[in-house]
N, C-alpha and C. Protein backbone atom coordinates (compact mmCIF):
# COMPACT_ATOMS: atom_id res chain seq x y z
N MET A 1 15.96 -9.59 -4.63
CA MET A 1 16.59 -9.36 -3.35
C MET A 1 15.81 -8.28 -2.63
N GLN A 2 15.62 -8.49 -1.34
CA GLN A 2 14.90 -7.52 -0.53
C GLN A 2 15.87 -6.78 0.38
N LEU A 3 15.77 -5.46 0.40
CA LEU A 3 16.57 -4.62 1.28
C LEU A 3 15.64 -3.93 2.27
N HIS A 4 16.05 -3.88 3.51
CA HIS A 4 15.29 -3.17 4.53
C HIS A 4 16.01 -1.86 4.81
N ILE A 5 15.26 -0.77 4.70
CA ILE A 5 15.85 0.56 4.79
C ILE A 5 15.28 1.29 6.01
N LYS A 6 16.16 1.79 6.84
CA LYS A 6 15.78 2.52 8.04
C LYS A 6 15.47 3.97 7.70
N ASN A 7 14.51 4.54 8.41
CA ASN A 7 14.10 5.96 8.33
C ASN A 7 13.26 6.31 7.11
N MET A 8 12.70 5.34 6.44
CA MET A 8 11.76 5.65 5.36
C MET A 8 10.40 5.83 6.01
N VAL A 9 9.93 7.08 6.05
CA VAL A 9 8.73 7.35 6.81
C VAL A 9 7.64 8.08 6.02
N CYS A 10 7.90 8.39 4.77
CA CYS A 10 6.90 9.14 4.01
C CYS A 10 7.08 8.87 2.52
N SER A 11 6.16 9.41 1.75
CA SER A 11 6.21 9.19 0.30
C SER A 11 7.44 9.87 -0.32
N ARG A 12 7.88 11.00 0.25
CA ARG A 12 9.10 11.64 -0.26
C ARG A 12 10.33 10.77 -0.01
N CYS A 13 10.30 10.05 1.12
CA CYS A 13 11.40 9.11 1.41
C CYS A 13 11.45 8.01 0.35
N ILE A 14 10.29 7.51 0.00
CA ILE A 14 10.20 6.48 -1.02
C ILE A 14 10.78 7.00 -2.34
N MET A 15 10.40 8.22 -2.71
CA MET A 15 10.91 8.80 -3.96
C MET A 15 12.43 9.01 -3.90
N ALA A 16 12.93 9.46 -2.75
CA ALA A 16 14.38 9.70 -2.61
C ALA A 16 15.16 8.39 -2.72
N VAL A 17 14.68 7.34 -2.05
CA VAL A 17 15.37 6.05 -2.10
C VAL A 17 15.28 5.47 -3.51
N GLU A 18 14.13 5.56 -4.12
CA GLU A 18 13.96 5.05 -5.48
C GLU A 18 14.89 5.78 -6.44
N SER A 19 14.99 7.08 -6.31
CA SER A 19 15.89 7.86 -7.16
C SER A 19 17.35 7.44 -6.95
N GLU A 20 17.74 7.23 -5.71
CA GLU A 20 19.12 6.83 -5.43
C GLU A 20 19.41 5.44 -5.99
N LEU A 21 18.44 4.54 -5.91
CA LEU A 21 18.61 3.20 -6.49
C LEU A 21 18.80 3.29 -8.00
N GLU A 22 18.02 4.15 -8.65
CA GLU A 22 18.14 4.33 -10.10
C GLU A 22 19.51 4.88 -10.45
N LYS A 23 19.98 5.88 -9.69
CA LYS A 23 21.31 6.45 -9.93
C LYS A 23 22.39 5.40 -9.76
N PHE A 24 22.16 4.47 -8.85
CA PHE A 24 23.13 3.41 -8.56
C PHE A 24 23.09 2.32 -9.62
N GLY A 25 22.14 2.41 -10.56
CA GLY A 25 22.04 1.43 -11.64
C GLY A 25 21.11 0.27 -11.31
N LEU A 26 20.36 0.40 -10.23
CA LEU A 26 19.41 -0.65 -9.85
C LEU A 26 18.02 -0.20 -10.28
N HIS A 27 17.24 -1.12 -10.71
CA HIS A 27 15.88 -0.81 -11.13
C HIS A 27 14.94 -1.56 -10.18
N PRO A 28 14.46 -0.87 -9.15
CA PRO A 28 13.66 -1.55 -8.13
C PRO A 28 12.34 -2.09 -8.68
N ILE A 29 11.99 -3.26 -8.19
CA ILE A 29 10.70 -3.85 -8.52
C ILE A 29 9.61 -3.14 -7.73
N SER A 30 9.91 -2.88 -6.44
CA SER A 30 8.99 -2.13 -5.60
C SER A 30 9.76 -1.41 -4.51
N VAL A 31 9.21 -0.26 -4.11
CA VAL A 31 9.78 0.53 -3.03
C VAL A 31 8.61 0.93 -2.13
N GLU A 32 8.65 0.45 -0.90
CA GLU A 32 7.62 0.76 0.08
C GLU A 32 8.29 1.31 1.32
N LEU A 33 7.51 1.74 2.29
CA LEU A 33 8.09 2.22 3.54
C LEU A 33 8.94 1.13 4.15
N GLY A 34 10.25 1.35 4.17
CA GLY A 34 11.16 0.44 4.84
C GLY A 34 11.61 -0.78 4.07
N ILE A 35 11.02 -1.05 2.90
CA ILE A 35 11.37 -2.27 2.16
C ILE A 35 11.52 -1.96 0.68
N VAL A 36 12.62 -2.44 0.12
CA VAL A 36 12.89 -2.27 -1.31
C VAL A 36 13.10 -3.67 -1.89
N GLU A 37 12.50 -3.91 -3.03
CA GLU A 37 12.67 -5.17 -3.74
C GLU A 37 13.39 -4.87 -5.04
N ILE A 38 14.56 -5.51 -5.22
CA ILE A 38 15.31 -5.35 -6.46
C ILE A 38 15.50 -6.72 -7.10
N SER A 39 15.69 -6.72 -8.41
CA SER A 39 15.77 -8.00 -9.12
C SER A 39 17.13 -8.67 -8.98
N GLN A 40 18.18 -7.90 -8.85
CA GLN A 40 19.51 -8.51 -8.77
C GLN A 40 19.99 -8.59 -7.32
N ASN A 41 20.92 -9.49 -7.08
CA ASN A 41 21.56 -9.60 -5.77
C ASN A 41 22.78 -8.71 -5.74
N LEU A 42 23.04 -8.12 -4.59
CA LEU A 42 24.21 -7.27 -4.41
C LEU A 42 25.26 -8.03 -3.61
N ASP A 43 26.51 -7.87 -3.99
CA ASP A 43 27.57 -8.43 -3.14
C ASP A 43 27.80 -7.44 -1.99
N LYS A 44 28.62 -7.81 -1.04
CA LYS A 44 28.85 -6.99 0.16
C LYS A 44 29.39 -5.60 -0.20
N GLU A 45 30.30 -5.55 -1.17
CA GLU A 45 30.89 -4.26 -1.56
C GLU A 45 29.84 -3.34 -2.17
N GLN A 46 29.00 -3.88 -3.05
CA GLN A 46 27.93 -3.09 -3.66
C GLN A 46 26.95 -2.60 -2.58
N GLU A 47 26.63 -3.50 -1.66
CA GLU A 47 25.69 -3.14 -0.59
C GLU A 47 26.27 -2.02 0.28
N GLN A 48 27.57 -2.08 0.57
CA GLN A 48 28.21 -1.04 1.37
C GLN A 48 28.23 0.30 0.63
N LYS A 49 28.49 0.27 -0.67
CA LYS A 49 28.49 1.50 -1.45
C LYS A 49 27.08 2.11 -1.50
N LEU A 50 26.09 1.25 -1.72
CA LEU A 50 24.71 1.73 -1.74
C LEU A 50 24.34 2.30 -0.38
N ASN A 51 24.73 1.61 0.67
CA ASN A 51 24.42 2.08 2.02
C ASN A 51 25.04 3.46 2.27
N SER A 52 26.28 3.67 1.81
CA SER A 52 26.93 4.98 1.96
C SER A 52 26.11 6.08 1.28
N LYS A 53 25.62 5.78 0.09
CA LYS A 53 24.78 6.75 -0.63
C LYS A 53 23.49 7.04 0.15
N LEU A 54 22.89 5.98 0.69
CA LEU A 54 21.64 6.14 1.43
C LEU A 54 21.87 6.88 2.74
N VAL A 55 22.98 6.60 3.42
CA VAL A 55 23.29 7.28 4.68
C VAL A 55 23.40 8.79 4.45
N ASN A 56 23.96 9.19 3.32
CA ASN A 56 24.05 10.62 2.99
C ASN A 56 22.68 11.27 2.88
N LEU A 57 21.66 10.48 2.62
CA LEU A 57 20.29 11.00 2.52
C LEU A 57 19.50 10.81 3.81
N GLY A 58 20.14 10.21 4.82
CA GLY A 58 19.45 10.00 6.10
C GLY A 58 18.82 8.63 6.25
N PHE A 59 19.15 7.72 5.36
CA PHE A 59 18.62 6.36 5.41
C PHE A 59 19.75 5.40 5.74
N GLU A 60 19.41 4.13 5.89
CA GLU A 60 20.44 3.14 6.20
C GLU A 60 19.88 1.75 5.90
N ILE A 61 20.69 0.90 5.33
CA ILE A 61 20.29 -0.49 5.11
C ILE A 61 20.38 -1.23 6.44
N ILE A 62 19.33 -1.93 6.77
CA ILE A 62 19.29 -2.70 8.02
C ILE A 62 19.54 -4.16 7.67
N ASP A 63 20.51 -4.76 8.33
CA ASP A 63 20.81 -6.14 7.98
C ASP A 63 20.58 -7.14 9.10
N ASP A 64 20.16 -6.69 10.29
CA ASP A 64 19.86 -7.70 11.31
C ASP A 64 18.36 -7.78 11.54
N ARG A 65 17.91 -8.98 11.84
CA ARG A 65 16.49 -9.29 11.95
C ARG A 65 15.77 -8.46 13.01
N LYS A 66 16.38 -8.26 14.15
CA LYS A 66 15.74 -7.52 15.23
C LYS A 66 15.50 -6.06 14.84
N SER A 67 16.48 -5.46 14.23
CA SER A 67 16.33 -4.07 13.78
C SER A 67 15.24 -3.95 12.72
N ARG A 68 15.12 -4.98 11.88
CA ARG A 68 14.07 -4.96 10.86
C ARG A 68 12.69 -4.99 11.48
N VAL A 69 12.53 -5.78 12.56
CA VAL A 69 11.24 -5.85 13.25
C VAL A 69 10.90 -4.48 13.83
N VAL A 70 11.87 -3.86 14.49
CA VAL A 70 11.65 -2.54 15.10
C VAL A 70 11.30 -1.52 14.02
N GLU A 71 12.02 -1.53 12.92
CA GLU A 71 11.76 -0.59 11.84
C GLU A 71 10.38 -0.84 11.22
N LYS A 72 9.99 -2.09 11.12
CA LYS A 72 8.66 -2.43 10.61
C LYS A 72 7.58 -1.86 11.52
N VAL A 73 7.77 -1.96 12.84
CA VAL A 73 6.82 -1.40 13.79
C VAL A 73 6.72 0.11 13.58
N LYS A 74 7.86 0.77 13.47
CA LYS A 74 7.86 2.22 13.26
C LYS A 74 7.13 2.59 11.96
N ASN A 75 7.38 1.84 10.91
CA ASN A 75 6.71 2.12 9.63
C ASN A 75 5.21 1.87 9.72
N LEU A 76 4.81 0.83 10.43
CA LEU A 76 3.38 0.56 10.62
C LEU A 76 2.71 1.70 11.36
N ILE A 77 3.36 2.19 12.39
CA ILE A 77 2.80 3.29 13.18
C ILE A 77 2.74 4.57 12.34
N THR A 78 3.78 4.85 11.61
CA THR A 78 3.78 6.03 10.74
C THR A 78 2.66 5.93 9.71
N ASP A 79 2.53 4.77 9.12
CA ASP A 79 1.47 4.54 8.13
C ASP A 79 0.10 4.73 8.77
N LEU A 80 -0.07 4.21 9.97
CA LEU A 80 -1.34 4.33 10.68
C LEU A 80 -1.66 5.79 10.97
N VAL A 81 -0.70 6.54 11.47
CA VAL A 81 -0.93 7.93 11.88
C VAL A 81 -1.10 8.85 10.67
N TYR A 82 -0.35 8.64 9.62
CA TYR A 82 -0.35 9.57 8.50
C TYR A 82 -1.21 9.16 7.31
N PHE A 83 -1.45 7.87 7.14
CA PHE A 83 -2.07 7.45 5.90
C PHE A 83 -3.36 6.64 6.04
N LYS A 84 -3.64 6.10 7.20
CA LYS A 84 -4.87 5.30 7.35
C LYS A 84 -6.07 6.22 7.51
N ASP A 85 -7.20 5.73 7.04
CA ASP A 85 -8.41 6.54 7.15
C ASP A 85 -9.06 6.37 8.52
N ASN A 86 -10.18 6.98 8.69
CA ASN A 86 -10.88 6.99 9.98
C ASN A 86 -11.55 5.67 10.33
N ASN A 87 -11.46 4.68 9.48
CA ASN A 87 -12.14 3.41 9.71
C ASN A 87 -11.30 2.41 10.50
N PHE A 88 -10.20 2.85 11.07
CA PHE A 88 -9.33 1.98 11.85
C PHE A 88 -10.10 1.53 13.09
N LYS A 89 -10.38 0.23 13.20
CA LYS A 89 -11.24 -0.26 14.26
C LYS A 89 -10.58 -1.28 15.19
N THR A 90 -9.30 -1.42 15.15
CA THR A 90 -8.62 -2.39 15.99
C THR A 90 -7.66 -1.67 16.92
N ASN A 91 -7.18 -2.36 17.93
CA ASN A 91 -6.21 -1.70 18.80
C ASN A 91 -4.80 -1.84 18.21
N LEU A 92 -3.89 -1.05 18.73
CA LEU A 92 -2.55 -0.97 18.17
C LEU A 92 -1.83 -2.31 18.20
N SER A 93 -1.91 -3.02 19.31
CA SER A 93 -1.19 -4.30 19.42
C SER A 93 -1.71 -5.31 18.41
N ASP A 94 -3.03 -5.38 18.21
CA ASP A 94 -3.59 -6.31 17.21
C ASP A 94 -3.15 -5.92 15.80
N TYR A 95 -3.11 -4.64 15.53
CA TYR A 95 -2.67 -4.13 14.22
C TYR A 95 -1.24 -4.56 13.94
N ILE A 96 -0.37 -4.42 14.93
CA ILE A 96 1.05 -4.77 14.77
C ILE A 96 1.23 -6.27 14.63
N VAL A 97 0.57 -7.04 15.48
CA VAL A 97 0.68 -8.50 15.44
C VAL A 97 0.19 -9.03 14.08
N ALA A 98 -0.90 -8.47 13.58
CA ALA A 98 -1.43 -8.91 12.28
C ALA A 98 -0.43 -8.66 11.16
N ALA A 99 0.29 -7.57 11.25
CA ALA A 99 1.24 -7.21 10.18
C ALA A 99 2.57 -7.95 10.30
N ILE A 100 2.98 -8.26 11.52
CA ILE A 100 4.31 -8.83 11.73
C ILE A 100 4.26 -10.34 12.00
N SER A 101 3.13 -10.82 12.47
CA SER A 101 2.94 -12.26 12.74
C SER A 101 3.92 -12.81 13.78
N GLN A 102 4.11 -12.05 14.83
CA GLN A 102 4.89 -12.52 15.97
C GLN A 102 4.17 -12.11 17.24
N ASP A 103 4.54 -12.71 18.34
CA ASP A 103 3.94 -12.42 19.63
C ASP A 103 4.16 -10.96 20.01
N TYR A 104 3.10 -10.29 20.48
CA TYR A 104 3.22 -8.88 20.80
C TYR A 104 4.21 -8.61 21.92
N SER A 105 4.26 -9.46 22.92
CA SER A 105 5.19 -9.21 24.03
C SER A 105 6.64 -9.26 23.53
N TYR A 106 6.93 -10.17 22.60
CA TYR A 106 8.28 -10.22 22.01
C TYR A 106 8.57 -8.93 21.24
N ILE A 107 7.63 -8.52 20.40
CA ILE A 107 7.80 -7.30 19.60
C ILE A 107 7.97 -6.10 20.52
N SER A 108 7.13 -6.01 21.52
CA SER A 108 7.16 -4.88 22.45
C SER A 108 8.48 -4.82 23.23
N ASN A 109 8.93 -5.95 23.74
CA ASN A 109 10.20 -5.98 24.46
C ASN A 109 11.37 -5.61 23.56
N LEU A 110 11.38 -6.14 22.35
CA LEU A 110 12.43 -5.84 21.39
C LEU A 110 12.45 -4.34 21.06
N PHE A 111 11.28 -3.79 20.83
CA PHE A 111 11.16 -2.37 20.51
C PHE A 111 11.69 -1.53 21.68
N SER A 112 11.27 -1.85 22.87
CA SER A 112 11.69 -1.09 24.06
C SER A 112 13.20 -1.17 24.27
N GLN A 113 13.77 -2.34 24.03
CA GLN A 113 15.22 -2.50 24.19
C GLN A 113 15.99 -1.64 23.19
N GLN A 114 15.53 -1.63 21.95
CA GLN A 114 16.27 -0.92 20.91
C GLN A 114 15.99 0.57 20.87
N GLU A 115 14.80 0.97 21.28
CA GLU A 115 14.41 2.38 21.15
C GLU A 115 14.35 3.13 22.48
N ASN A 116 14.51 2.42 23.59
CA ASN A 116 14.40 3.02 24.92
C ASN A 116 13.06 3.74 25.13
N ALA A 117 12.04 3.22 24.50
CA ALA A 117 10.67 3.73 24.63
C ALA A 117 9.72 2.61 24.26
N THR A 118 8.52 2.67 24.81
CA THR A 118 7.53 1.65 24.47
C THR A 118 6.92 1.95 23.10
N ILE A 119 6.30 0.96 22.53
CA ILE A 119 5.58 1.15 21.27
C ILE A 119 4.49 2.19 21.46
N GLU A 120 3.78 2.11 22.56
CA GLU A 120 2.69 3.04 22.83
C GLU A 120 3.19 4.48 22.92
N HIS A 121 4.33 4.65 23.57
CA HIS A 121 4.89 6.00 23.69
C HIS A 121 5.30 6.52 22.30
N TYR A 122 5.90 5.68 21.50
CA TYR A 122 6.28 6.07 20.14
C TYR A 122 5.03 6.44 19.34
N TYR A 123 3.97 5.67 19.50
CA TYR A 123 2.70 5.94 18.81
C TYR A 123 2.14 7.30 19.23
N ILE A 124 2.18 7.58 20.51
CA ILE A 124 1.69 8.86 21.01
C ILE A 124 2.52 10.00 20.44
N LEU A 125 3.84 9.86 20.42
CA LEU A 125 4.70 10.91 19.86
C LEU A 125 4.39 11.15 18.39
N GLN A 126 4.17 10.08 17.65
CA GLN A 126 3.81 10.22 16.23
C GLN A 126 2.49 10.97 16.08
N LYS A 127 1.52 10.60 16.90
CA LYS A 127 0.21 11.26 16.83
C LYS A 127 0.32 12.74 17.18
N ILE A 128 1.11 13.06 18.18
CA ILE A 128 1.27 14.46 18.58
C ILE A 128 1.93 15.26 17.47
N GLU A 129 2.93 14.69 16.80
CA GLU A 129 3.55 15.38 15.68
C GLU A 129 2.56 15.60 14.55
N ARG A 130 1.69 14.63 14.34
CA ARG A 130 0.65 14.79 13.31
C ARG A 130 -0.34 15.87 13.72
N VAL A 131 -0.69 15.91 15.01
CA VAL A 131 -1.59 16.96 15.50
C VAL A 131 -0.96 18.33 15.26
N LYS A 132 0.33 18.47 15.58
CA LYS A 132 1.03 19.73 15.34
C LYS A 132 0.93 20.14 13.87
N GLU A 133 1.18 19.17 13.00
CA GLU A 133 1.12 19.45 11.57
C GLU A 133 -0.27 19.95 11.17
N LEU A 134 -1.29 19.26 11.63
CA LEU A 134 -2.66 19.62 11.27
C LEU A 134 -3.06 20.95 11.89
N LEU A 135 -2.56 21.26 13.09
CA LEU A 135 -2.84 22.57 13.70
C LEU A 135 -2.21 23.69 12.89
N VAL A 136 -0.98 23.49 12.43
CA VAL A 136 -0.29 24.51 11.64
C VAL A 136 -1.01 24.74 10.32
N TYR A 137 -1.51 23.67 9.70
CA TYR A 137 -2.24 23.80 8.44
C TYR A 137 -3.53 24.60 8.62
N ASP A 138 -4.12 24.49 9.82
CA ASP A 138 -5.33 25.24 10.17
C ASP A 138 -6.50 24.96 9.23
N GLU A 139 -6.63 23.71 8.81
CA GLU A 139 -7.73 23.34 7.93
C GLU A 139 -8.81 22.55 8.65
N LEU A 140 -8.45 21.93 9.79
CA LEU A 140 -9.39 21.10 10.53
C LEU A 140 -9.59 21.64 11.94
N SER A 141 -10.78 21.43 12.46
CA SER A 141 -11.03 21.81 13.85
C SER A 141 -10.40 20.76 14.76
N LEU A 142 -10.30 21.06 16.04
CA LEU A 142 -9.76 20.10 16.99
C LEU A 142 -10.63 18.85 17.05
N ASN A 143 -11.94 19.01 16.91
CA ASN A 143 -12.84 17.85 16.86
C ASN A 143 -12.49 16.95 15.68
N GLU A 144 -12.27 17.53 14.52
CA GLU A 144 -11.95 16.76 13.32
C GLU A 144 -10.58 16.09 13.45
N ILE A 145 -9.63 16.80 14.03
CA ILE A 145 -8.31 16.21 14.24
C ILE A 145 -8.40 15.02 15.19
N ALA A 146 -9.15 15.20 16.28
CA ALA A 146 -9.32 14.11 17.26
C ALA A 146 -9.95 12.89 16.59
N PHE A 147 -10.96 13.11 15.77
CA PHE A 147 -11.62 12.01 15.07
C PHE A 147 -10.66 11.34 14.10
N GLN A 148 -9.94 12.14 13.32
CA GLN A 148 -9.03 11.60 12.31
C GLN A 148 -7.93 10.76 12.94
N LEU A 149 -7.47 11.14 14.14
CA LEU A 149 -6.37 10.42 14.77
C LEU A 149 -6.83 9.45 15.84
N HIS A 150 -8.12 9.13 15.82
CA HIS A 150 -8.68 8.07 16.66
C HIS A 150 -8.61 8.36 18.16
N TYR A 151 -8.70 9.62 18.53
CA TYR A 151 -8.82 9.97 19.95
C TYR A 151 -10.27 9.79 20.36
N SER A 152 -10.48 9.45 21.61
CA SER A 152 -11.85 9.24 22.08
C SER A 152 -12.62 10.56 22.14
N SER A 153 -11.90 11.68 22.31
CA SER A 153 -12.54 12.99 22.37
C SER A 153 -11.49 14.08 22.17
N PRO A 154 -11.94 15.28 21.83
CA PRO A 154 -10.99 16.40 21.74
C PRO A 154 -10.33 16.69 23.09
N SER A 155 -11.05 16.45 24.14
CA SER A 155 -10.50 16.65 25.49
C SER A 155 -9.32 15.71 25.74
N HIS A 156 -9.47 14.45 25.35
CA HIS A 156 -8.39 13.48 25.50
C HIS A 156 -7.17 13.90 24.68
N LEU A 157 -7.41 14.33 23.46
CA LEU A 157 -6.33 14.82 22.61
C LEU A 157 -5.63 16.00 23.29
N SER A 158 -6.39 16.96 23.80
CA SER A 158 -5.81 18.15 24.43
C SER A 158 -4.96 17.80 25.64
N LYS A 159 -5.45 16.89 26.46
CA LYS A 159 -4.70 16.47 27.65
C LYS A 159 -3.39 15.80 27.26
N GLN A 160 -3.45 14.90 26.28
CA GLN A 160 -2.24 14.21 25.84
C GLN A 160 -1.27 15.19 25.18
N PHE A 161 -1.79 16.10 24.39
CA PHE A 161 -0.95 17.10 23.72
C PHE A 161 -0.22 17.95 24.75
N LYS A 162 -0.94 18.41 25.77
CA LYS A 162 -0.32 19.24 26.80
C LYS A 162 0.72 18.45 27.59
N LYS A 163 0.42 17.19 27.88
CA LYS A 163 1.37 16.36 28.63
C LYS A 163 2.68 16.18 27.86
N VAL A 164 2.58 16.01 26.55
CA VAL A 164 3.78 15.76 25.73
C VAL A 164 4.52 17.06 25.40
N THR A 165 3.79 18.12 25.06
CA THR A 165 4.43 19.34 24.56
C THR A 165 4.55 20.45 25.60
N GLY A 166 3.70 20.41 26.62
CA GLY A 166 3.66 21.51 27.59
C GLY A 166 2.72 22.63 27.17
N PHE A 167 2.11 22.50 26.00
CA PHE A 167 1.17 23.50 25.49
C PHE A 167 -0.19 22.87 25.26
N THR A 168 -1.23 23.67 25.35
CA THR A 168 -2.52 23.22 24.86
C THR A 168 -2.47 23.32 23.34
N PRO A 169 -3.32 22.62 22.63
CA PRO A 169 -3.32 22.76 21.16
C PRO A 169 -3.54 24.21 20.72
N THR A 170 -4.41 24.93 21.40
CA THR A 170 -4.67 26.33 21.04
C THR A 170 -3.44 27.18 21.27
N ALA A 171 -2.77 27.00 22.41
CA ALA A 171 -1.56 27.78 22.70
C ALA A 171 -0.47 27.46 21.67
N PHE A 172 -0.33 26.20 21.30
CA PHE A 172 0.65 25.83 20.28
C PHE A 172 0.32 26.50 18.95
N LYS A 173 -0.94 26.43 18.57
CA LYS A 173 -1.39 27.00 17.29
C LYS A 173 -1.14 28.51 17.24
N ASN A 174 -1.32 29.18 18.37
CA ASN A 174 -1.16 30.63 18.43
C ASN A 174 0.27 31.09 18.67
N SER A 175 1.15 30.16 19.01
CA SER A 175 2.51 30.55 19.32
C SER A 175 3.31 30.80 18.05
N LYS A 176 4.32 31.61 18.15
CA LYS A 176 5.21 31.86 17.02
C LYS A 176 6.23 30.73 16.88
N GLU A 177 6.40 29.95 17.92
CA GLU A 177 7.40 28.88 17.96
C GLU A 177 6.73 27.52 17.75
N GLN A 178 6.19 27.29 16.60
CA GLN A 178 5.50 26.03 16.32
C GLN A 178 6.53 24.99 15.90
N LYS A 179 7.22 24.45 16.88
CA LYS A 179 8.32 23.53 16.59
C LYS A 179 7.81 22.11 16.45
N ARG A 180 8.12 21.57 15.30
CA ARG A 180 7.78 20.17 15.04
C ARG A 180 9.08 19.40 14.99
N GLN A 181 8.97 18.11 15.27
CA GLN A 181 10.14 17.24 15.19
C GLN A 181 10.10 16.42 13.91
N LEU A 182 11.27 16.08 13.42
CA LEU A 182 11.34 15.18 12.27
C LEU A 182 10.87 13.81 12.72
N ILE A 183 10.08 13.16 11.90
CA ILE A 183 9.52 11.85 12.25
C ILE A 183 10.61 10.85 12.57
N GLU A 184 11.69 10.86 11.80
CA GLU A 184 12.74 9.88 12.03
C GLU A 184 13.49 10.11 13.34
N ASN A 185 13.30 11.27 13.98
CA ASN A 185 13.96 11.56 15.25
C ASN A 185 13.10 11.24 16.46
N LEU A 186 11.90 10.76 16.24
CA LEU A 186 11.03 10.40 17.37
C LEU A 186 11.48 9.11 18.01
């Protein structure tokens, strides 16, 4: 049985969901961003109890097809921003269509309806949060961050960062108020 889980955005989320499944007496076959595969089928009551446990951790079982598509898009973008290497050579829409196998205009309209934001805007917000994280770590130069996150130049990154946050990357890095947002709240 496959379960679709909302708000799984990182490896710690995977570990938390996997741990909760084990506590619930389920032994997952696989746990990935947004998707869990278990060997047994759950009845509605079991699924509701499991969902209650997951909701307490900030997750939720998704049972309608449209929400699953939107969550898949979010997971693809999170994966792209946080885990893909610098060899990403395709545009965002092609990347999403290849993974979901549906028309991009359908996916885009569905996403916009459910999230009140475009896929592109969500992608930009994710990238900006990643830039904030990398600036706080202070391990990479702005050039390296721009390259890692597929910006055409550090200047483009700086302009987009300022537009979204109101700060230049340098001003953000030097400020005492380095506020980052939780990924699941974007």
